[in-house]
Amino acid sequence: MRILIAEDNLISRKLLNVALKKWSYDVVAVNDGAAAWEELQKADAPKLVILDWMMPEMDGLQVCLRVKESGNPDPPYIIILTAKTHKEDIVQALEAGANDYITKPFNNAELRARVRVGQRMVEMKEALAAQVLELRTAIDHIKTLQGIIPICSFCKKIRDDQGYWSQVEAYLSRHSDAQFSHGFCPECMGRHFPEIESDHS
């Protein structure tokens, strides 16, 4: 999984980079919020992001708000990295669009645990999206007949929406995935082929 780091402090950025790569993550590291936002505009943008709160150009909360206001149907999972520990600060970050937070100086074990939670959330969302797509594809392939179907009382032809009359099997073939094999019911066999019916009796 690719993770985007946005941290203006060189030492902190290097520590994050080394730790995440040690845990087999592919890391994209930038040093300010504007660069982070630019990365998030790309088609292959990382789905998990660690943002420092206080950064030049654009801070972490501003990035969160932009992501939130962008209307992206598949937003990244965002972890805010901050030295702020007051509850109101944390609430502010979460309301801005962050999914989680880590306080500085961060502990590697806590960082790994929170990143793993983020990874699970991203993977669950991707699995759900795949299931929804699969369901929509299945629904698109299911054609159903609904409502009142006008059928002739004598010849049993069906009138379509354009006013044309079609044989039952032709109509059903156009409106469903049904396939037909033809045969004779006992009643029709006796009516149309009485000689065959008498041979069997």
N, C-alpha and C. Protein backbone atom coordinates (compact mmCIF):
# COMPACT_ATOMS: atom_id res chain seq x y z
N MET A 1 0.83 -1.19 0.00
CA MET A 1 0.00 0.00 0.00
C MET A 1 0.87 1.25 0.00
N ARG A 2 0.45 2.27 -0.79
CA ARG A 2 1.18 3.53 -0.84
C ARG A 2 0.63 4.48 0.22
N ILE A 3 1.55 5.16 0.89
CA ILE A 3 1.18 6.12 1.93
C ILE A 3 1.83 7.46 1.61
N LEU A 4 1.03 8.51 1.70
CA LEU A 4 1.55 9.87 1.50
C LEU A 4 1.87 10.49 2.85
N ILE A 5 3.10 11.00 2.97
CA ILE A 5 3.52 11.74 4.17
C ILE A 5 3.67 13.21 3.80
N ALA A 6 3.07 14.08 4.59
CA ALA A 6 3.28 15.53 4.43
C ALA A 6 3.77 16.06 5.77
N GLU A 7 5.05 16.38 5.82
CA GLU A 7 5.68 16.81 7.08
C GLU A 7 6.82 17.78 6.74
N ASP A 8 6.75 18.99 7.30
CA ASP A 8 7.77 19.99 6.96
C ASP A 8 9.05 19.83 7.76
N ASN A 9 8.97 19.10 8.87
CA ASN A 9 10.17 18.87 9.68
C ASN A 9 10.97 17.71 9.08
N LEU A 10 12.21 18.00 8.68
CA LEU A 10 13.02 17.01 7.98
C LEU A 10 13.24 15.75 8.82
N ILE A 11 13.58 15.92 10.09
CA ILE A 11 13.87 14.76 10.94
C ILE A 11 12.62 13.90 11.12
N SER A 12 11.50 14.55 11.42
CA SER A 12 10.24 13.82 11.60
C SER A 12 9.85 13.10 10.31
N ARG A 13 10.04 13.78 9.17
CA ARG A 13 9.70 13.16 7.88
C ARG A 13 10.56 11.93 7.62
N LYS A 14 11.85 12.03 7.94
CA LYS A 14 12.75 10.89 7.74
C LYS A 14 12.38 9.72 8.66
N LEU A 15 12.05 10.04 9.90
CA LEU A 15 11.66 8.98 10.84
C LEU A 15 10.41 8.25 10.35
N LEU A 16 9.43 9.01 9.87
CA LEU A 16 8.22 8.41 9.33
C LEU A 16 8.54 7.56 8.10
N ASN A 17 9.36 8.10 7.23
CA ASN A 17 9.73 7.41 6.00
C ASN A 17 10.41 6.07 6.29
N VAL A 18 11.39 6.11 7.19
CA VAL A 18 12.14 4.89 7.53
C VAL A 18 11.21 3.85 8.16
N ALA A 19 10.37 4.28 9.10
CA ALA A 19 9.48 3.35 9.80
C ALA A 19 8.50 2.70 8.84
N LEU A 20 7.88 3.49 8.00
CA LEU A 20 6.87 2.95 7.08
C LEU A 20 7.48 2.02 6.04
N LYS A 21 8.66 2.37 5.54
CA LYS A 21 9.32 1.50 4.57
C LYS A 21 9.76 0.19 5.23
N LYS A 22 10.14 0.26 6.49
CA LYS A 22 10.51 -0.94 7.24
C LYS A 22 9.32 -1.89 7.34
N TRP A 23 8.11 -1.33 7.39
CA TRP A 23 6.88 -2.13 7.48
C TRP A 23 6.31 -2.46 6.10
N SER A 24 7.16 -2.27 5.07
CA SER A 24 6.83 -2.66 3.69
C SER A 24 5.79 -1.78 3.01
N TYR A 25 5.67 -0.53 3.43
CA TYR A 25 4.79 0.40 2.74
C TYR A 25 5.58 1.17 1.69
N ASP A 26 4.90 1.54 0.62
CA ASP A 26 5.49 2.38 -0.41
C ASP A 26 5.19 3.83 -0.03
N VAL A 27 6.22 4.64 0.15
CA VAL A 27 6.04 5.97 0.72
C VAL A 27 6.24 7.07 -0.31
N VAL A 28 5.33 8.04 -0.30
CA VAL A 28 5.48 9.28 -1.06
C VAL A 28 5.59 10.39 -0.03
N ALA A 29 6.72 11.10 0.03
CA ALA A 29 6.96 12.11 1.06
C ALA A 29 7.06 13.50 0.46
N VAL A 30 6.31 14.45 1.04
CA VAL A 30 6.38 15.86 0.64
C VAL A 30 6.56 16.71 1.90
N ASN A 31 6.93 17.99 1.71
CA ASN A 31 7.26 18.81 2.89
C ASN A 31 6.27 19.93 3.18
N ASP A 32 5.12 19.95 2.49
CA ASP A 32 4.11 20.95 2.86
C ASP A 32 2.73 20.51 2.37
N GLY A 33 1.71 21.23 2.84
CA GLY A 33 0.34 20.86 2.52
C GLY A 33 -0.02 21.06 1.06
N ALA A 34 0.54 22.09 0.43
CA ALA A 34 0.25 22.34 -0.98
C ALA A 34 0.72 21.19 -1.85
N ALA A 35 1.91 20.68 -1.55
CA ALA A 35 2.44 19.54 -2.30
C ALA A 35 1.61 18.29 -2.04
N ALA A 36 1.13 18.15 -0.79
CA ALA A 36 0.27 17.01 -0.46
C ALA A 36 -1.03 17.06 -1.25
N TRP A 37 -1.62 18.25 -1.32
CA TRP A 37 -2.86 18.42 -2.07
C TRP A 37 -2.64 18.11 -3.54
N GLU A 38 -1.49 18.52 -4.07
CA GLU A 38 -1.17 18.24 -5.47
C GLU A 38 -1.08 16.73 -5.71
N GLU A 39 -0.46 16.02 -4.78
CA GLU A 39 -0.36 14.56 -4.90
C GLU A 39 -1.75 13.91 -4.87
N LEU A 40 -2.62 14.47 -4.06
CA LEU A 40 -3.96 13.89 -3.91
C LEU A 40 -4.85 14.14 -5.12
N GLN A 41 -4.43 15.02 -6.03
CA GLN A 41 -5.19 15.27 -7.25
C GLN A 41 -4.88 14.23 -8.33
N LYS A 42 -3.83 13.47 -8.14
CA LYS A 42 -3.41 12.51 -9.16
C LYS A 42 -4.34 11.29 -9.18
N ALA A 43 -4.42 10.68 -10.36
CA ALA A 43 -5.31 9.52 -10.51
C ALA A 43 -4.89 8.36 -9.62
N ASP A 44 -3.59 8.22 -9.40
CA ASP A 44 -3.10 7.11 -8.57
C ASP A 44 -2.71 7.59 -7.17
N ALA A 45 -3.43 8.59 -6.66
CA ALA A 45 -3.12 9.15 -5.33
C ALA A 45 -3.18 8.08 -4.26
N PRO A 46 -2.27 8.14 -3.27
CA PRO A 46 -2.30 7.17 -2.17
C PRO A 46 -3.63 7.23 -1.43
N LYS A 47 -4.07 6.08 -0.95
CA LYS A 47 -5.34 5.99 -0.24
C LYS A 47 -5.19 6.19 1.27
N LEU A 48 -3.95 6.28 1.73
CA LEU A 48 -3.70 6.52 3.15
C LEU A 48 -2.71 7.68 3.26
N VAL A 49 -3.04 8.66 4.10
CA VAL A 49 -2.25 9.89 4.18
C VAL A 49 -1.94 10.22 5.64
N ILE A 50 -0.70 10.62 5.90
CA ILE A 50 -0.30 11.13 7.21
C ILE A 50 0.07 12.59 7.03
N LEU A 51 -0.71 13.48 7.64
CA LEU A 51 -0.51 14.92 7.49
C LEU A 51 -0.08 15.56 8.80
N ASP A 52 1.01 16.32 8.74
CA ASP A 52 1.34 17.16 9.89
C ASP A 52 0.32 18.29 9.94
N TRP A 53 -0.06 18.68 11.14
CA TRP A 53 -1.04 19.76 11.27
C TRP A 53 -0.42 21.09 10.84
N MET A 54 0.71 21.47 11.45
CA MET A 54 1.33 22.76 11.20
C MET A 54 2.36 22.64 10.08
N MET A 55 2.02 23.21 8.91
CA MET A 55 2.93 23.19 7.76
C MET A 55 2.80 24.51 7.00
N PRO A 56 3.84 24.89 6.26
CA PRO A 56 3.75 26.09 5.42
C PRO A 56 2.87 25.83 4.19
N GLU A 57 2.56 26.92 3.49
CA GLU A 57 1.75 26.85 2.27
C GLU A 57 0.29 26.47 2.57
N MET A 58 0.10 25.32 3.17
CA MET A 58 -1.23 24.84 3.52
C MET A 58 -1.07 23.85 4.66
N ASP A 59 -1.78 24.06 5.75
CA ASP A 59 -1.60 23.15 6.88
C ASP A 59 -2.45 21.88 6.70
N GLY A 60 -2.26 20.95 7.63
CA GLY A 60 -2.94 19.66 7.52
C GLY A 60 -4.45 19.77 7.54
N LEU A 61 -4.99 20.65 8.37
CA LEU A 61 -6.44 20.81 8.44
C LEU A 61 -7.00 21.39 7.15
N GLN A 62 -6.27 22.30 6.54
CA GLN A 62 -6.72 22.86 5.26
C GLN A 62 -6.77 21.78 4.17
N VAL A 63 -5.80 20.88 4.20
CA VAL A 63 -5.82 19.76 3.25
C VAL A 63 -7.03 18.88 3.52
N CYS A 64 -7.28 18.59 4.80
CA CYS A 64 -8.45 17.78 5.17
C CYS A 64 -9.74 18.42 4.66
N LEU A 65 -9.87 19.71 4.86
CA LEU A 65 -11.07 20.42 4.42
C LEU A 65 -11.23 20.39 2.91
N ARG A 66 -10.13 20.52 2.19
CA ARG A 66 -10.19 20.48 0.73
C ARG A 66 -10.65 19.10 0.25
N VAL A 67 -10.12 18.08 0.88
CA VAL A 67 -10.53 16.71 0.54
C VAL A 67 -12.02 16.54 0.83
N LYS A 68 -12.43 17.03 1.99
CA LYS A 68 -13.83 16.89 2.41
C LYS A 68 -14.77 17.64 1.46
N GLU A 69 -14.36 18.83 1.04
CA GLU A 69 -15.21 19.67 0.20
C GLU A 69 -15.12 19.32 -1.28
N SER A 70 -14.17 18.47 -1.64
CA SER A 70 -13.99 18.13 -3.06
C SER A 70 -15.09 17.23 -3.59
N GLY A 71 -15.79 16.57 -2.66
CA GLY A 71 -16.85 15.65 -3.08
C GLY A 71 -16.31 14.35 -3.65
N ASN A 72 -15.05 14.07 -3.38
CA ASN A 72 -14.43 12.82 -3.85
C ASN A 72 -15.19 11.62 -3.30
N PRO A 73 -15.75 10.77 -4.17
CA PRO A 73 -16.51 9.61 -3.67
C PRO A 73 -15.63 8.55 -3.01
N ASP A 74 -14.34 8.66 -3.23
CA ASP A 74 -13.40 7.69 -2.64
C ASP A 74 -12.24 8.45 -1.98
N PRO A 75 -12.52 9.19 -0.90
CA PRO A 75 -11.47 10.00 -0.26
C PRO A 75 -10.44 9.12 0.45
N PRO A 76 -9.24 9.63 0.63
CA PRO A 76 -8.21 8.87 1.34
C PRO A 76 -8.49 8.82 2.84
N TYR A 77 -7.88 7.87 3.48
CA TYR A 77 -7.93 7.77 4.94
C TYR A 77 -6.82 8.67 5.47
N ILE A 78 -7.19 9.66 6.29
CA ILE A 78 -6.23 10.69 6.71
C ILE A 78 -5.93 10.59 8.21
N ILE A 79 -4.65 10.52 8.52
CA ILE A 79 -4.18 10.56 9.91
C ILE A 79 -3.46 11.89 10.12
N ILE A 80 -3.93 12.66 11.08
CA ILE A 80 -3.29 13.94 11.41
C ILE A 80 -2.19 13.71 12.43
N LEU A 81 -1.02 14.28 12.17
CA LEU A 81 0.12 14.21 13.08
C LEU A 81 0.28 15.58 13.73
N THR A 82 0.17 15.63 15.03
CA THR A 82 0.16 16.94 15.68
C THR A 82 0.76 16.91 17.08
N ALA A 83 1.31 18.05 17.50
CA ALA A 83 1.81 18.21 18.87
C ALA A 83 0.68 18.67 19.78
N LYS A 84 -0.47 19.02 19.21
CA LYS A 84 -1.61 19.48 19.99
C LYS A 84 -2.29 18.28 20.65
N THR A 85 -2.58 18.43 21.92
CA THR A 85 -3.16 17.30 22.66
C THR A 85 -4.50 17.64 23.31
N HIS A 86 -4.95 18.90 23.21
CA HIS A 86 -6.24 19.25 23.81
C HIS A 86 -7.38 18.58 23.04
N LYS A 87 -8.39 18.18 23.79
CA LYS A 87 -9.51 17.47 23.17
C LYS A 87 -10.18 18.31 22.09
N GLU A 88 -10.29 19.62 22.33
CA GLU A 88 -10.95 20.47 21.34
C GLU A 88 -10.15 20.52 20.03
N ASP A 89 -8.82 20.39 20.12
CA ASP A 89 -8.00 20.36 18.91
C ASP A 89 -8.25 19.07 18.13
N ILE A 90 -8.32 17.97 18.86
CA ILE A 90 -8.57 16.69 18.21
C ILE A 90 -9.94 16.69 17.55
N VAL A 91 -10.94 17.22 18.24
CA VAL A 91 -12.29 17.31 17.69
C VAL A 91 -12.28 18.15 16.42
N GLN A 92 -11.53 19.25 16.46
CA GLN A 92 -11.44 20.12 15.29
C GLN A 92 -10.86 19.38 14.08
N ALA A 93 -9.82 18.59 14.35
CA ALA A 93 -9.18 17.83 13.26
C ALA A 93 -10.15 16.80 12.68
N LEU A 94 -10.86 16.10 13.55
CA LEU A 94 -11.80 15.08 13.08
C LEU A 94 -12.96 15.71 12.31
N GLU A 95 -13.43 16.85 12.77
CA GLU A 95 -14.52 17.53 12.08
C GLU A 95 -14.07 18.09 10.74
N ALA A 96 -12.79 18.38 10.62
CA ALA A 96 -12.26 18.89 9.35
C ALA A 96 -12.17 17.79 8.29
N GLY A 97 -12.24 16.54 8.74
CA GLY A 97 -12.19 15.44 7.78
C GLY A 97 -11.15 14.39 8.06
N ALA A 98 -10.32 14.59 9.11
CA ALA A 98 -9.34 13.56 9.46
C ALA A 98 -10.05 12.33 10.01
N ASN A 99 -9.47 11.17 9.77
CA ASN A 99 -10.04 9.92 10.28
C ASN A 99 -9.42 9.48 11.59
N ASP A 100 -8.19 9.95 11.85
CA ASP A 100 -7.48 9.55 13.07
C ASP A 100 -6.39 10.58 13.33
N TYR A 101 -5.71 10.44 14.44
CA TYR A 101 -4.63 11.37 14.78
C TYR A 101 -3.54 10.65 15.57
N ILE A 102 -2.34 11.20 15.49
CA ILE A 102 -1.21 10.72 16.29
C ILE A 102 -0.52 11.95 16.86
N THR A 103 -0.20 11.91 18.13
CA THR A 103 0.45 13.07 18.76
C THR A 103 1.97 12.94 18.67
N LYS A 104 2.61 14.08 18.54
CA LYS A 104 4.07 14.15 18.53
C LYS A 104 4.59 14.31 19.96
N PRO A 105 5.78 13.77 20.22
CA PRO A 105 6.55 12.86 19.37
C PRO A 105 5.87 11.50 19.30
N PHE A 106 5.76 10.94 18.11
CA PHE A 106 4.99 9.70 17.94
C PHE A 106 5.80 8.48 18.38
N ASN A 107 5.05 7.50 18.83
CA ASN A 107 5.62 6.22 19.23
C ASN A 107 5.46 5.26 18.05
N ASN A 108 6.53 4.55 17.71
CA ASN A 108 6.49 3.67 16.54
C ASN A 108 5.42 2.60 16.63
N ALA A 109 5.24 2.04 17.80
CA ALA A 109 4.23 0.99 17.96
C ALA A 109 2.82 1.56 17.73
N GLU A 110 2.58 2.75 18.28
CA GLU A 110 1.27 3.38 18.08
C GLU A 110 1.08 3.75 16.61
N LEU A 111 2.14 4.30 16.00
CA LEU A 111 2.07 4.67 14.59
C LEU A 111 1.72 3.45 13.74
N ARG A 112 2.40 2.35 13.99
CA ARG A 112 2.15 1.14 13.21
C ARG A 112 0.72 0.64 13.40
N ALA A 113 0.24 0.68 14.64
CA ALA A 113 -1.12 0.22 14.93
C ALA A 113 -2.16 1.07 14.22
N ARG A 114 -1.97 2.40 14.26
CA ARG A 114 -2.95 3.29 13.63
C ARG A 114 -2.89 3.21 12.11
N VAL A 115 -1.70 3.02 11.57
CA VAL A 115 -1.57 2.85 10.12
C VAL A 115 -2.24 1.55 9.69
N ARG A 116 -2.09 0.52 10.48
CA ARG A 116 -2.73 -0.76 10.16
C ARG A 116 -4.26 -0.63 10.19
N VAL A 117 -4.77 0.13 11.14
CA VAL A 117 -6.22 0.37 11.18
C VAL A 117 -6.66 1.09 9.90
N GLY A 118 -5.88 2.10 9.51
CA GLY A 118 -6.18 2.82 8.28
C GLY A 118 -6.14 1.91 7.07
N GLN A 119 -5.14 1.04 7.02
CA GLN A 119 -5.03 0.10 5.90
C GLN A 119 -6.23 -0.83 5.84
N ARG A 120 -6.66 -1.34 7.01
CA ARG A 120 -7.83 -2.22 7.03
C ARG A 120 -9.07 -1.48 6.54
N MET A 121 -9.22 -0.23 6.93
CA MET A 121 -10.38 0.55 6.51
C MET A 121 -10.37 0.77 5.00
N VAL A 122 -9.20 1.08 4.45
CA VAL A 122 -9.08 1.27 3.01
C VAL A 122 -9.40 -0.03 2.27
N GLU A 123 -8.85 -1.13 2.76
CA GLU A 123 -9.09 -2.43 2.11
C GLU A 123 -10.55 -2.84 2.20
N MET A 124 -11.19 -2.58 3.34
CA MET A 124 -12.61 -2.90 3.48
C MET A 124 -13.45 -2.07 2.52
N LYS A 125 -13.10 -0.79 2.38
CA LYS A 125 -13.84 0.09 1.48
C LYS A 125 -13.67 -0.36 0.04
N GLU A 126 -12.46 -0.76 -0.32
CA GLU A 126 -12.21 -1.23 -1.68
C GLU A 126 -12.96 -2.53 -1.96
N ALA A 127 -13.00 -3.42 -0.96
CA ALA A 127 -13.72 -4.68 -1.13
C ALA A 127 -15.22 -4.42 -1.29
N LEU A 128 -15.74 -3.49 -0.49
CA LEU A 128 -17.16 -3.14 -0.58
C LEU A 128 -17.48 -2.53 -1.94
N ALA A 129 -16.60 -1.65 -2.43
CA ALA A 129 -16.80 -1.02 -3.73
C ALA A 129 -16.81 -2.08 -4.83
N ALA A 130 -15.94 -3.07 -4.72
CA ALA A 130 -15.89 -4.14 -5.72
C ALA A 130 -17.17 -4.96 -5.70
N GLN A 131 -17.70 -5.21 -4.49
CA GLN A 131 -18.96 -5.96 -4.37
C GLN A 131 -20.13 -5.18 -4.95
N VAL A 132 -20.14 -3.86 -4.70
CA VAL A 132 -21.21 -3.01 -5.25
C VAL A 132 -21.15 -3.02 -6.77
N LEU A 133 -19.94 -2.92 -7.33
CA LEU A 133 -19.78 -2.95 -8.78
C LEU A 133 -20.25 -4.28 -9.35
N GLU A 134 -19.90 -5.35 -8.67
CA GLU A 134 -20.30 -6.69 -9.11
C GLU A 134 -21.83 -6.82 -9.07
N LEU A 135 -22.44 -6.27 -8.02
CA LEU A 135 -23.89 -6.33 -7.90
C LEU A 135 -24.57 -5.52 -9.00
N ARG A 136 -24.03 -4.32 -9.25
CA ARG A 136 -24.60 -3.48 -10.31
C ARG A 136 -24.49 -4.15 -11.67
N THR A 137 -23.35 -4.80 -11.91
CA THR A 137 -23.17 -5.51 -13.17
C THR A 137 -24.18 -6.64 -13.30
N ALA A 138 -24.39 -7.35 -12.20
CA ALA A 138 -25.37 -8.44 -12.22
C ALA A 138 -26.77 -7.91 -12.48
N ILE A 139 -27.12 -6.80 -11.84
CA ILE A 139 -28.44 -6.22 -12.02
C ILE A 139 -28.63 -5.77 -13.47
N ASP A 140 -27.57 -5.21 -14.06
CA ASP A 140 -27.65 -4.76 -15.46
C ASP A 140 -27.93 -5.93 -16.40
N HIS A 141 -27.52 -7.13 -16.00
CA HIS A 141 -27.72 -8.30 -16.86
C HIS A 141 -29.06 -8.99 -16.60
N ILE A 142 -29.73 -8.55 -15.58
CA ILE A 142 -31.04 -9.16 -15.26
C ILE A 142 -32.13 -8.30 -15.87
N LYS A 143 -32.85 -8.84 -16.81
CA LYS A 143 -33.95 -8.12 -17.42
C LYS A 143 -35.26 -8.74 -16.94
N THR A 144 -36.13 -7.94 -16.43
CA THR A 144 -37.38 -8.45 -15.90
C THR A 144 -38.56 -7.85 -16.64
N LEU A 145 -39.64 -8.59 -16.70
CA LEU A 145 -40.87 -8.12 -17.29
C LEU A 145 -41.77 -7.63 -16.16
N GLN A 146 -42.24 -6.43 -16.27
CA GLN A 146 -43.10 -5.86 -15.23
C GLN A 146 -44.32 -5.23 -15.86
N GLY A 147 -45.37 -5.08 -15.05
CA GLY A 147 -46.57 -4.40 -15.51
C GLY A 147 -47.50 -5.31 -16.29
N ILE A 148 -48.45 -4.70 -17.01
CA ILE A 148 -49.45 -5.43 -17.78
C ILE A 148 -48.93 -5.66 -19.19
N ILE A 149 -48.97 -6.90 -19.65
CA ILE A 149 -48.50 -7.25 -20.98
C ILE A 149 -49.72 -7.51 -21.86
N PRO A 150 -49.93 -6.71 -22.92
CA PRO A 150 -51.09 -6.91 -23.81
C PRO A 150 -50.89 -8.13 -24.70
N ILE A 151 -51.75 -9.11 -24.57
CA ILE A 151 -51.63 -10.35 -25.34
C ILE A 151 -52.95 -10.66 -26.04
N CYS A 152 -52.86 -11.09 -27.29
CA CYS A 152 -54.05 -11.41 -28.06
C CYS A 152 -54.73 -12.66 -27.50
N SER A 153 -56.04 -12.59 -27.33
CA SER A 153 -56.79 -13.71 -26.74
C SER A 153 -56.84 -14.91 -27.67
N PHE A 154 -56.64 -14.68 -28.98
CA PHE A 154 -56.75 -15.78 -29.93
C PHE A 154 -55.40 -16.38 -30.30
N CYS A 155 -54.52 -15.54 -30.88
CA CYS A 155 -53.23 -16.08 -31.36
C CYS A 155 -52.13 -16.02 -30.33
N LYS A 156 -52.40 -15.31 -29.21
CA LYS A 156 -51.45 -15.20 -28.10
C LYS A 156 -50.21 -14.38 -28.43
N LYS A 157 -50.27 -13.57 -29.52
CA LYS A 157 -49.16 -12.66 -29.78
C LYS A 157 -49.20 -11.52 -28.77
N ILE A 158 -48.03 -10.91 -28.54
CA ILE A 158 -47.90 -9.84 -27.56
C ILE A 158 -47.58 -8.53 -28.27
N ARG A 159 -48.25 -7.45 -27.86
CA ARG A 159 -47.99 -6.14 -28.45
C ARG A 159 -46.88 -5.44 -27.67
N ASP A 160 -45.84 -4.96 -28.39
CA ASP A 160 -44.74 -4.28 -27.72
C ASP A 160 -45.03 -2.79 -27.58
N ASP A 161 -44.06 -2.05 -27.04
CA ASP A 161 -44.26 -0.61 -26.80
C ASP A 161 -44.44 0.19 -28.08
N GLN A 162 -43.95 -0.35 -29.20
CA GLN A 162 -44.07 0.36 -30.48
C GLN A 162 -45.36 -0.01 -31.22
N GLY A 163 -46.16 -0.89 -30.62
CA GLY A 163 -47.43 -1.26 -31.24
C GLY A 163 -47.37 -2.46 -32.15
N TYR A 164 -46.17 -3.10 -32.24
CA TYR A 164 -46.04 -4.27 -33.09
C TYR A 164 -46.39 -5.53 -32.30
N TRP A 165 -46.97 -6.50 -33.04
CA TRP A 165 -47.35 -7.76 -32.40
C TRP A 165 -46.30 -8.81 -32.70
N SER A 166 -45.85 -9.50 -31.67
CA SER A 166 -44.79 -10.49 -31.82
C SER A 166 -45.22 -11.81 -31.19
N GLN A 167 -44.61 -12.89 -31.69
CA GLN A 167 -44.80 -14.18 -31.04
C GLN A 167 -44.28 -14.10 -29.60
N VAL A 168 -44.86 -14.89 -28.74
CA VAL A 168 -44.49 -14.86 -27.32
C VAL A 168 -42.99 -15.06 -27.13
N GLU A 169 -42.43 -16.05 -27.83
CA GLU A 169 -41.00 -16.33 -27.62
C GLU A 169 -40.13 -15.19 -28.13
N ALA A 170 -40.54 -14.53 -29.21
CA ALA A 170 -39.77 -13.41 -29.72
C ALA A 170 -39.79 -12.25 -28.73
N TYR A 171 -40.94 -12.00 -28.15
CA TYR A 171 -41.08 -10.91 -27.19
C TYR A 171 -40.24 -11.20 -25.94
N LEU A 172 -40.34 -12.41 -25.43
CA LEU A 172 -39.59 -12.77 -24.22
C LEU A 172 -38.09 -12.76 -24.47
N SER A 173 -37.68 -13.14 -25.67
CA SER A 173 -36.24 -13.14 -25.98
C SER A 173 -35.67 -11.73 -25.94
N ARG A 174 -36.48 -10.75 -26.37
CA ARG A 174 -36.01 -9.36 -26.38
C ARG A 174 -36.00 -8.74 -24.99
N HIS A 175 -36.85 -9.24 -24.11
CA HIS A 175 -37.01 -8.62 -22.79
C HIS A 175 -36.46 -9.45 -21.64
N SER A 176 -35.83 -10.55 -21.94
CA SER A 176 -35.25 -11.37 -20.87
C SER A 176 -34.09 -12.16 -21.45
N ASP A 177 -33.44 -12.93 -20.60
CA ASP A 177 -32.33 -13.77 -21.04
C ASP A 177 -32.79 -15.22 -21.26
N ALA A 178 -34.10 -15.41 -21.33
CA ALA A 178 -34.64 -16.76 -21.50
C ALA A 178 -34.31 -17.31 -22.89
N GLN A 179 -34.08 -18.62 -22.96
CA GLN A 179 -33.88 -19.33 -24.22
C GLN A 179 -34.98 -20.38 -24.34
N PHE A 180 -35.33 -20.73 -25.56
CA PHE A 180 -36.48 -21.60 -25.78
C PHE A 180 -36.08 -22.88 -26.50
N SER A 181 -36.73 -23.96 -26.10
CA SER A 181 -36.69 -25.22 -26.85
C SER A 181 -38.14 -25.59 -27.10
N HIS A 182 -38.44 -26.02 -28.31
CA HIS A 182 -39.83 -26.24 -28.69
C HIS A 182 -40.19 -27.72 -28.62
N GLY A 183 -41.42 -27.96 -28.23
CA GLY A 183 -41.95 -29.32 -28.16
C GLY A 183 -43.48 -29.24 -28.24
N PHE A 184 -44.15 -30.32 -27.87
CA PHE A 184 -45.61 -30.34 -27.91
C PHE A 184 -46.14 -30.83 -26.57
N CYS A 185 -47.17 -30.13 -26.08
CA CYS A 185 -47.84 -30.62 -24.89
C CYS A 185 -48.79 -31.73 -25.31
N PRO A 186 -49.23 -32.61 -24.41
CA PRO A 186 -50.12 -33.72 -24.77
C PRO A 186 -51.41 -33.26 -25.45
N GLU A 187 -51.98 -32.15 -25.01
CA GLU A 187 -53.24 -31.67 -25.59
C GLU A 187 -53.05 -31.30 -27.05
N CYS A 188 -51.96 -30.52 -27.35
CA CYS A 188 -51.70 -30.14 -28.74
C CYS A 188 -51.30 -31.34 -29.59
N MET A 189 -50.61 -32.27 -29.02
CA MET A 189 -50.22 -33.47 -29.75
C MET A 189 -51.46 -34.22 -30.23
N GLY A 190 -52.44 -34.34 -29.34
CA GLY A 190 -53.68 -35.04 -29.71
C GLY A 190 -54.50 -34.26 -30.71
N ARG A 191 -54.49 -32.94 -30.63
CA ARG A 191 -55.30 -32.11 -31.53
C ARG A 191 -54.71 -32.05 -32.93
N HIS A 192 -53.37 -31.90 -33.04
CA HIS A 192 -52.74 -31.68 -34.32
C HIS A 192 -52.16 -32.95 -34.94
N PHE A 193 -51.85 -33.93 -34.12
CA PHE A 193 -51.30 -35.18 -34.65
C PHE A 193 -52.06 -36.37 -34.06
N PRO A 194 -53.35 -36.46 -34.38
CA PRO A 194 -54.17 -37.54 -33.78
C PRO A 194 -53.67 -38.92 -34.15
N GLU A 195 -53.06 -39.06 -35.36
CA GLU A 195 -52.58 -40.38 -35.77
C GLU A 195 -51.44 -40.86 -34.90
N ILE A 196 -50.58 -39.93 -34.47
CA ILE A 196 -49.47 -40.28 -33.57
C ILE A 196 -50.02 -40.64 -32.20
N GLU A 197 -51.00 -39.86 -31.75
CA GLU A 197 -51.59 -40.08 -30.44
C GLU A 197 -52.28 -41.44 -30.39
N SER A 198 -52.96 -41.83 -31.52
CA SER A 198 -53.68 -43.11 -31.54
C SER A 198 -52.69 -44.29 -31.54
N ASP A 199 -51.52 -44.09 -32.19
CA ASP A 199 -50.52 -45.15 -32.20
C ASP A 199 -49.99 -45.43 -30.79
N HIS A 200 -49.95 -44.39 -29.96
CA HIS A 200 -49.45 -44.55 -28.59
C HIS A 200 -50.48 -45.13 -27.66
N SER A 201 -51.75 -45.07 -28.03
CA SER A 201 -52.83 -45.55 -27.14
C SER A 201 -53.06 -47.04 -27.31
